[in-house]
Amino acid sequence: MSELDEDLPGRSYDGRLMRRLLSYLRPYRERVALAVLVALGESLVQLAGPYLTKEAIDNGIRHRDLAHLD
């Protein structure tokens, strides 16, 4: 495959290129894994606020049970 073929538009995924890029991350795999876990954890924390608001509305305000809000 020539260099010109590699730069053609419309090619969305190249396995060789992905393996090459991932090889650069190999020495940092623990940090990358930690970063992914922190990002997932942060996403869950961001969802906690709306969920707690939903619970307050559905179980407290809607049933006129304001003690549930304490």
PDB file of N, CA and C in Angstrom:
ATOM      1  N   MET A   1       0.848  -1.168   0.000  1.00  0.00           N
ATOM      2  CA  MET A   1       0.000   0.000   0.000  1.00  0.00           C
ATOM      3  C   MET A   1       0.897   1.235   0.000  1.00  0.00           C
ATOM      4  N   SER A   2       0.624   2.154  -0.886  1.00  0.00           N
ATOM      5  CA  SER A   2       1.457   3.348  -0.980  1.00  0.00           C
ATOM      6  C   SER A   2       1.024   4.386   0.044  1.00  0.00           C
ATOM      7  N   GLU A   3       1.857   5.388   0.207  1.00  0.00           N
ATOM      8  CA  GLU A   3       1.528   6.459   1.158  1.00  0.00           C
ATOM      9  C   GLU A   3       0.290   7.222   0.724  1.00  0.00           C
ATOM     10  N   LEU A   4       0.073   7.318  -0.578  1.00  0.00           N
ATOM     11  CA  LEU A   4      -1.104   8.038  -1.061  1.00  0.00           C
ATOM     12  C   LEU A   4      -2.390   7.306  -0.685  1.00  0.00           C
ATOM     13  N   ASP A   5      -2.365   5.980  -0.703  1.00  0.00           N
ATOM     14  CA  ASP A   5      -3.556   5.211  -0.336  1.00  0.00           C
ATOM     15  C   ASP A   5      -3.935   5.410   1.122  1.00  0.00           C
ATOM     16  N   GLU A   6      -2.961   5.620   1.984  1.00  0.00           N
ATOM     17  CA  GLU A   6      -3.238   5.787   3.409  1.00  0.00           C
ATOM     18  C   GLU A   6      -3.927   7.106   3.723  1.00  0.00           C
ATOM     19  N   ASP A   7      -3.782   8.097   2.875  1.00  0.00           N
ATOM     20  CA  ASP A   7      -4.346   9.418   3.132  1.00  0.00           C
ATOM     21  C   ASP A   7      -5.668   9.657   2.415  1.00  0.00           C
ATOM     22  N   LEU A   8      -6.265   8.629   1.847  1.00  0.00           N
ATOM     23  CA  LEU A   8      -7.518   8.811   1.137  1.00  0.00           C
ATOM     24  C   LEU A   8      -8.636   9.163   2.106  1.00  0.00           C
ATOM     25  N   PRO A   9      -9.473  10.145   1.747  1.00  0.00           N
ATOM     26  CA  PRO A   9     -10.598  10.478   2.621  1.00  0.00           C
ATOM     27  C   PRO A   9     -11.635   9.357   2.595  1.00  0.00           C
ATOM     28  N   GLY A  10     -12.417   9.274   3.655  1.00  0.00           N
ATOM     29  CA  GLY A  10     -13.463   8.274   3.734  1.00  0.00           C
ATOM     30  C   GLY A  10     -13.033   7.010   4.441  1.00  0.00           C
ATOM     31  N   ARG A  11     -11.783   6.894   4.737  1.00  0.00           N
ATOM     32  CA  ARG A  11     -11.299   5.716   5.457  1.00  0.00           C
ATOM     33  C   ARG A  11     -11.375   6.031   6.941  1.00  0.00           C
ATOM     34  N   SER A  12     -12.302   5.404   7.630  1.00  0.00           N
ATOM     35  CA  SER A  12     -12.572   5.814   9.005  1.00  0.00           C
ATOM     36  C   SER A  12     -11.782   5.031  10.045  1.00  0.00           C
ATOM     37  N   TYR A  13     -11.283   3.845   9.710  1.00  0.00           N
ATOM     38  CA  TYR A  13     -10.575   3.052  10.716  1.00  0.00           C
ATOM     39  C   TYR A  13      -9.428   2.305  10.052  1.00  0.00           C
ATOM     40  N   ASP A  14      -8.280   2.377  10.677  1.00  0.00           N
ATOM     41  CA  ASP A  14      -7.104   1.667  10.191  1.00  0.00           C
ATOM     42  C   ASP A  14      -6.518   0.892  11.365  1.00  0.00           C
ATOM     43  N   GLY A  15      -6.601  -0.413  11.320  1.00  0.00           N
ATOM     44  CA  GLY A  15      -6.133  -1.255  12.411  1.00  0.00           C
ATOM     45  C   GLY A  15      -4.648  -1.102  12.684  1.00  0.00           C
ATOM     46  N   ARG A  16      -3.862  -0.965  11.617  1.00  0.00           N
ATOM     47  CA  ARG A  16      -2.414  -0.794  11.805  1.00  0.00           C
ATOM     48  C   ARG A  16      -2.109   0.485  12.553  1.00  0.00           C
ATOM     49  N   LEU A  17      -2.773   1.545  12.173  1.00  0.00           N
ATOM     50  CA  LEU A  17      -2.553   2.826  12.833  1.00  0.00           C
ATOM     51  C   LEU A  17      -2.993   2.765  14.298  1.00  0.00           C
ATOM     52  N   MET A  18      -4.113   2.111  14.561  1.00  0.00           N
ATOM     53  CA  MET A  18      -4.596   1.995  15.937  1.00  0.00           C
ATOM     54  C   MET A  18      -3.610   1.202  16.790  1.00  0.00           C
ATOM     55  N   ARG A  19      -3.083   0.087  16.261  1.00  0.00           N
ATOM     56  CA  ARG A  19      -2.081  -0.691  17.005  1.00  0.00           C
ATOM     57  C   ARG A  19      -0.844   0.146  17.283  1.00  0.00           C
ATOM     58  N   ARG A  20      -0.446   0.942  16.318  1.00  0.00           N
ATOM     59  CA  ARG A  20       0.729   1.802  16.503  1.00  0.00           C
ATOM     60  C   ARG A  20       0.476   2.840  17.591  1.00  0.00           C
ATOM     61  N   LEU A  21      -0.689   3.455  17.567  1.00  0.00           N
ATOM     62  CA  LEU A  21      -1.014   4.446  18.592  1.00  0.00           C
ATOM     63  C   LEU A  21      -1.107   3.808  19.975  1.00  0.00           C
ATOM     64  N   LEU A  22      -1.711   2.628  20.056  1.00  0.00           N
ATOM     65  CA  LEU A  22      -1.828   1.946  21.345  1.00  0.00           C
ATOM     66  C   LEU A  22      -0.473   1.494  21.872  1.00  0.00           C
ATOM     67  N   SER A  23       0.460   1.220  20.969  1.00  0.00           N
ATOM     68  CA  SER A  23       1.796   0.825  21.430  1.00  0.00           C
ATOM     69  C   SER A  23       2.480   1.975  22.167  1.00  0.00           C
ATOM     70  N   TYR A  24       2.159   3.207  21.807  1.00  0.00           N
ATOM     71  CA  TYR A  24       2.724   4.360  22.518  1.00  0.00           C
ATOM     72  C   TYR A  24       2.145   4.482  23.928  1.00  0.00           C
ATOM     73  N   LEU A  25       0.942   3.981  24.133  1.00  0.00           N
ATOM     74  CA  LEU A  25       0.294   4.048  25.448  1.00  0.00           C
ATOM     75  C   LEU A  25       0.688   2.893  26.363  1.00  0.00           C
ATOM     76  N   ARG A  26       1.290   1.862  25.813  1.00  0.00           N
ATOM     77  CA  ARG A  26       1.607   0.664  26.601  1.00  0.00           C
ATOM     78  C   ARG A  26       2.372   0.972  27.885  1.00  0.00           C
ATOM     79  N   PRO A  27       3.393   1.836  27.878  1.00  0.00           N
ATOM     80  CA  PRO A  27       4.099   2.111  29.139  1.00  0.00           C
ATOM     81  C   PRO A  27       3.224   2.806  30.189  1.00  0.00           C
ATOM     82  N   TYR A  28       2.124   3.379  29.752  1.00  0.00           N
ATOM     83  CA  TYR A  28       1.253   4.147  30.648  1.00  0.00           C
ATOM     84  C   TYR A  28      -0.089   3.459  30.861  1.00  0.00           C
ATOM     85  N   ARG A  29      -0.167   2.150  30.629  1.00  0.00           N
ATOM     86  CA  ARG A  29      -1.470   1.477  30.661  1.00  0.00           C
ATOM     87  C   ARG A  29      -2.160   1.571  32.014  1.00  0.00           C
ATOM     88  N   GLU A  30      -1.389   1.571  33.122  1.00  0.00           N
ATOM     89  CA  GLU A  30      -2.020   1.704  34.439  1.00  0.00           C
ATOM     90  C   GLU A  30      -2.655   3.081  34.591  1.00  0.00           C
ATOM     91  N   ARG A  31      -1.945   4.093  34.132  1.00  0.00           N
ATOM     92  CA  ARG A  31      -2.497   5.456  34.222  1.00  0.00           C
ATOM     93  C   ARG A  31      -3.705   5.630  33.318  1.00  0.00           C
ATOM     94  N   VAL A  32      -3.651   5.042  32.132  1.00  0.00           N
ATOM     95  CA  VAL A  32      -4.784   5.133  31.210  1.00  0.00           C
ATOM     96  C   VAL A  32      -5.994   4.420  31.806  1.00  0.00           C
ATOM     97  N   ALA A  33      -5.772   3.238  32.382  1.00  0.00           N
ATOM     98  CA  ALA A  33      -6.875   2.504  33.011  1.00  0.00           C
ATOM     99  C   ALA A  33      -7.456   3.304  34.172  1.00  0.00           C
ATOM    100  N   LEU A  34      -6.589   3.908  34.976  1.00  0.00           N
ATOM    101  CA  LEU A  34      -7.062   4.729  36.088  1.00  0.00           C
ATOM    102  C   LEU A  34      -7.856   5.933  35.580  1.00  0.00           C
ATOM    103  N   ALA A  35      -7.384   6.554  34.507  1.00  0.00           N
ATOM    104  CA  ALA A  35      -8.091   7.707  33.941  1.00  0.00           C
ATOM    105  C   ALA A  35      -9.472   7.306  33.434  1.00  0.00           C
ATOM    106  N   VAL A  36      -9.570   6.139  32.809  1.00  0.00           N
ATOM    107  CA  VAL A  36     -10.870   5.661  32.321  1.00  0.00           C
ATOM    108  C   VAL A  36     -11.802   5.384  33.496  1.00  0.00           C
ATOM    109  N   LEU A  37     -11.281   4.742  34.540  1.00  0.00           N
ATOM    110  CA  LEU A  37     -12.105   4.464  35.720  1.00  0.00           C
ATOM    111  C   LEU A  37     -12.560   5.744  36.413  1.00  0.00           C
ATOM    112  N   VAL A  38     -11.675   6.727  36.508  1.00  0.00           N
ATOM    113  CA  VAL A  38     -12.046   8.009  37.121  1.00  0.00           C
ATOM    114  C   VAL A  38     -13.118   8.699  36.281  1.00  0.00           C
ATOM    115  N   ALA A  39     -12.985   8.648  34.962  1.00  0.00           N
ATOM    116  CA  ALA A  39     -13.989   9.269  34.094  1.00  0.00           C
ATOM    117  C   ALA A  39     -15.343   8.585  34.257  1.00  0.00           C
ATOM    118  N   LEU A  40     -15.349   7.262  34.338  1.00  0.00           N
ATOM    119  CA  LEU A  40     -16.613   6.544  34.551  1.00  0.00           C
ATOM    120  C   LEU A  40     -17.212   6.865  35.915  1.00  0.00           C
ATOM    121  N   GLY A  41     -16.371   6.911  36.938  1.00  0.00           N
ATOM    122  CA  GLY A  41     -16.849   7.255  38.276  1.00  0.00           C
ATOM    123  C   GLY A  41     -17.416   8.655  38.328  1.00  0.00           C
ATOM    124  N   GLU A  42     -16.757   9.575  37.670  1.00  0.00           N
ATOM    125  CA  GLU A  42     -17.230  10.956  37.652  1.00  0.00           C
ATOM    126  C   GLU A  42     -18.568  11.059  36.925  1.00  0.00           C
ATOM    127  N   SER A  43     -18.744  10.267  35.877  1.00  0.00           N
ATOM    128  CA  SER A  43     -20.028  10.250  35.174  1.00  0.00           C
ATOM    129  C   SER A  43     -21.143   9.766  36.093  1.00  0.00           C
ATOM    130  N   LEU A  44     -20.852   8.751  36.888  1.00  0.00           N
ATOM    131  CA  LEU A  44     -21.861   8.260  37.833  1.00  0.00           C
ATOM    132  C   LEU A  44     -22.192   9.303  38.891  1.00  0.00           C
ATOM    133  N   VAL A  45     -21.191  10.014  39.368  1.00  0.00           N
ATOM    134  CA  VAL A  45     -21.427  11.064  40.368  1.00  0.00           C
ATOM    135  C   VAL A  45     -22.268  12.183  39.763  1.00  0.00           C
ATOM    136  N   GLN A  46     -22.022  12.510  38.498  1.00  0.00           N
ATOM    137  CA  GLN A  46     -22.804  13.552  37.836  1.00  0.00           C
ATOM    138  C   GLN A  46     -24.272  13.142  37.698  1.00  0.00           C
ATOM    139  N   LEU A  47     -24.530  11.846  37.581  1.00  0.00           N
ATOM    140  CA  LEU A  47     -25.909  11.370  37.457  1.00  0.00           C
ATOM    141  C   LEU A  47     -26.626  11.287  38.795  1.00  0.00           C
ATOM    142  N   ALA A  48     -25.910  11.351  39.896  1.00  0.00           N
ATOM    143  CA  ALA A  48     -26.525  11.218  41.219  1.00  0.00           C
ATOM    144  C   ALA A  48     -27.459  12.386  41.525  1.00  0.00           C
ATOM    145  N   GLY A  49     -27.092  13.595  41.169  1.00  0.00           N
ATOM    146  CA  GLY A  49     -27.925  14.771  41.447  1.00  0.00           C
ATOM    147  C   GLY A  49     -29.303  14.686  40.820  1.00  0.00           C
ATOM    148  N   PRO A  50     -29.389  14.466  39.512  1.00  0.00           N
ATOM    149  CA  PRO A  50     -30.713  14.328  38.900  1.00  0.00           C
ATOM    150  C   PRO A  50     -31.512  13.145  39.448  1.00  0.00           C
ATOM    151  N   TYR A  51     -30.839  12.050  39.771  1.00  0.00           N
ATOM    152  CA  TYR A  51     -31.549  10.892  40.330  1.00  0.00           C
ATOM    153  C   TYR A  51     -32.136  11.220  41.698  1.00  0.00           C
ATOM    154  N   LEU A  52     -31.365  11.900  42.543  1.00  0.00           N
ATOM    155  CA  LEU A  52     -31.872  12.271  43.865  1.00  0.00           C
ATOM    156  C   LEU A  52     -33.025  13.264  43.753  1.00  0.00           C
ATOM    157  N   THR A  53     -32.957  14.162  42.790  1.00  0.00           N
ATOM    158  CA  THR A  53     -34.059  15.096  42.557  1.00  0.00           C
ATOM    159  C   THR A  53     -35.314  14.341  42.133  1.00  0.00           C
ATOM    160  N   LYS A  54     -35.155  13.371  41.244  1.00  0.00           N
ATOM    161  CA  LYS A  54     -36.284  12.543  40.812  1.00  0.00           C
ATOM    162  C   LYS A  54     -36.916  11.821  41.995  1.00  0.00           C
ATOM    163  N   GLU A  55     -36.083  11.242  42.847  1.00  0.00           N
ATOM    164  CA  GLU A  55     -36.598  10.526  44.012  1.00  0.00           C
ATOM    165  C   GLU A  55     -37.335  11.475  44.955  1.00  0.00           C
ATOM    166  N   ALA A  56     -36.807  12.674  45.143  1.00  0.00           N
ATOM    167  CA  ALA A  56     -37.463  13.646  46.021  1.00  0.00           C
ATOM    168  C   ALA A  56     -38.830  14.030  45.477  1.00  0.00           C
ATOM    169  N   ILE A  57     -38.912  14.233  44.178  1.00  0.00           N
ATOM    170  CA  ILE A  57     -40.191  14.620  43.575  1.00  0.00           C
ATOM    171  C   ILE A  57     -41.173  13.455  43.593  1.00  0.00           C
ATOM    172  N   ASP A  58     -40.717  12.282  43.163  1.00  0.00           N
ATOM    173  CA  ASP A  58     -41.621  11.132  43.052  1.00  0.00           C
ATOM    174  C   ASP A  58     -42.087  10.611  44.404  1.00  0.00           C
ATOM    175  N   ASN A  59     -41.208  10.547  45.379  1.00  0.00           N
ATOM    176  CA  ASN A  59     -41.562   9.921  46.652  1.00  0.00           C
ATOM    177  C   ASN A  59     -41.913  10.915  47.751  1.00  0.00           C
ATOM    178  N   GLY A  60     -41.483  12.132  47.636  1.00  0.00           N
ATOM    179  CA  GLY A  60     -41.731  13.098  48.697  1.00  0.00           C
ATOM    180  C   GLY A  60     -42.803  14.098  48.347  1.00  0.00           C
ATOM    181  N   ILE A  61     -42.545  14.902  47.377  1.00  0.00           N
ATOM    182  CA  ILE A  61     -43.448  16.005  47.036  1.00  0.00           C
ATOM    183  C   ILE A  61     -44.752  15.478  46.447  1.00  0.00           C
ATOM    184  N   ARG A  62     -44.677  14.521  45.554  1.00  0.00           N
ATOM    185  CA  ARG A  62     -45.861  14.022  44.884  1.00  0.00           C
ATOM    186  C   ARG A  62     -46.821  13.326  45.852  1.00  0.00           C
ATOM    187  N   HIS A  63     -46.313  12.646  46.849  1.00  0.00           N
ATOM    188  CA  HIS A  63     -47.151  11.942  47.823  1.00  0.00           C
ATOM    189  C   HIS A  63     -47.415  12.792  49.065  1.00  0.00           C
ATOM    190  N   ARG A  64     -46.995  14.035  49.008  1.00  0.00           N
ATOM    191  CA  ARG A  64     -47.146  14.982  50.120  1.00  0.00           C
ATOM    192  C   ARG A  64     -46.527  14.432  51.408  1.00  0.00           C
ATOM    193  N   ASP A  65     -45.413  13.738  51.252  1.00  0.00           N
ATOM    194  CA  ASP A  65     -44.685  13.174  52.390  1.00  0.00           C
ATOM    195  C   ASP A  65     -43.378  13.952  52.532  1.00  0.00           C
ATOM    196  N   LEU A  66     -43.476  15.141  53.121  1.00  0.00           N
ATOM    197  CA  LEU A  66     -42.302  15.998  53.224  1.00  0.00           C
ATOM    198  C   LEU A  66     -41.264  15.443  54.190  1.00  0.00           C
ATOM    199  N   ALA A  67     -41.647  14.507  55.053  1.00  0.00           N
ATOM    200  CA  ALA A  67     -40.673  13.871  55.940  1.00  0.00           C
ATOM    201  C   ALA A  67     -39.679  13.041  55.131  1.00  0.00           C
ATOM    202  N   HIS A  68     -40.105  12.583  53.962  1.00  0.00           N
ATOM    203  CA  HIS A  68     -39.220  11.803  53.088  1.00  0.00           C
ATOM    204  C   HIS A  68     -38.061  12.657  52.562  1.00  0.00           C
ATOM    205  N   LEU A  69     -38.254  13.955  52.557  1.00  0.00           N
ATOM    206  CA  LEU A  69     -37.223  14.857  52.035  1.00  0.00           C
ATOM    207  C   LEU A  69     -36.108  15.112  53.034  1.00  0.00           C
ATOM    208  N   ASP A  70     -36.299  14.751  54.288  1.00  0.00           N
ATOM    209  CA  ASP A  70     -35.262  14.975  55.304  1.00  0.00           C
ATOM    210  C   ASP A  70     -34.121  14.065  55.147  1.00  0.00           C
TER     211      ASP A  70
END
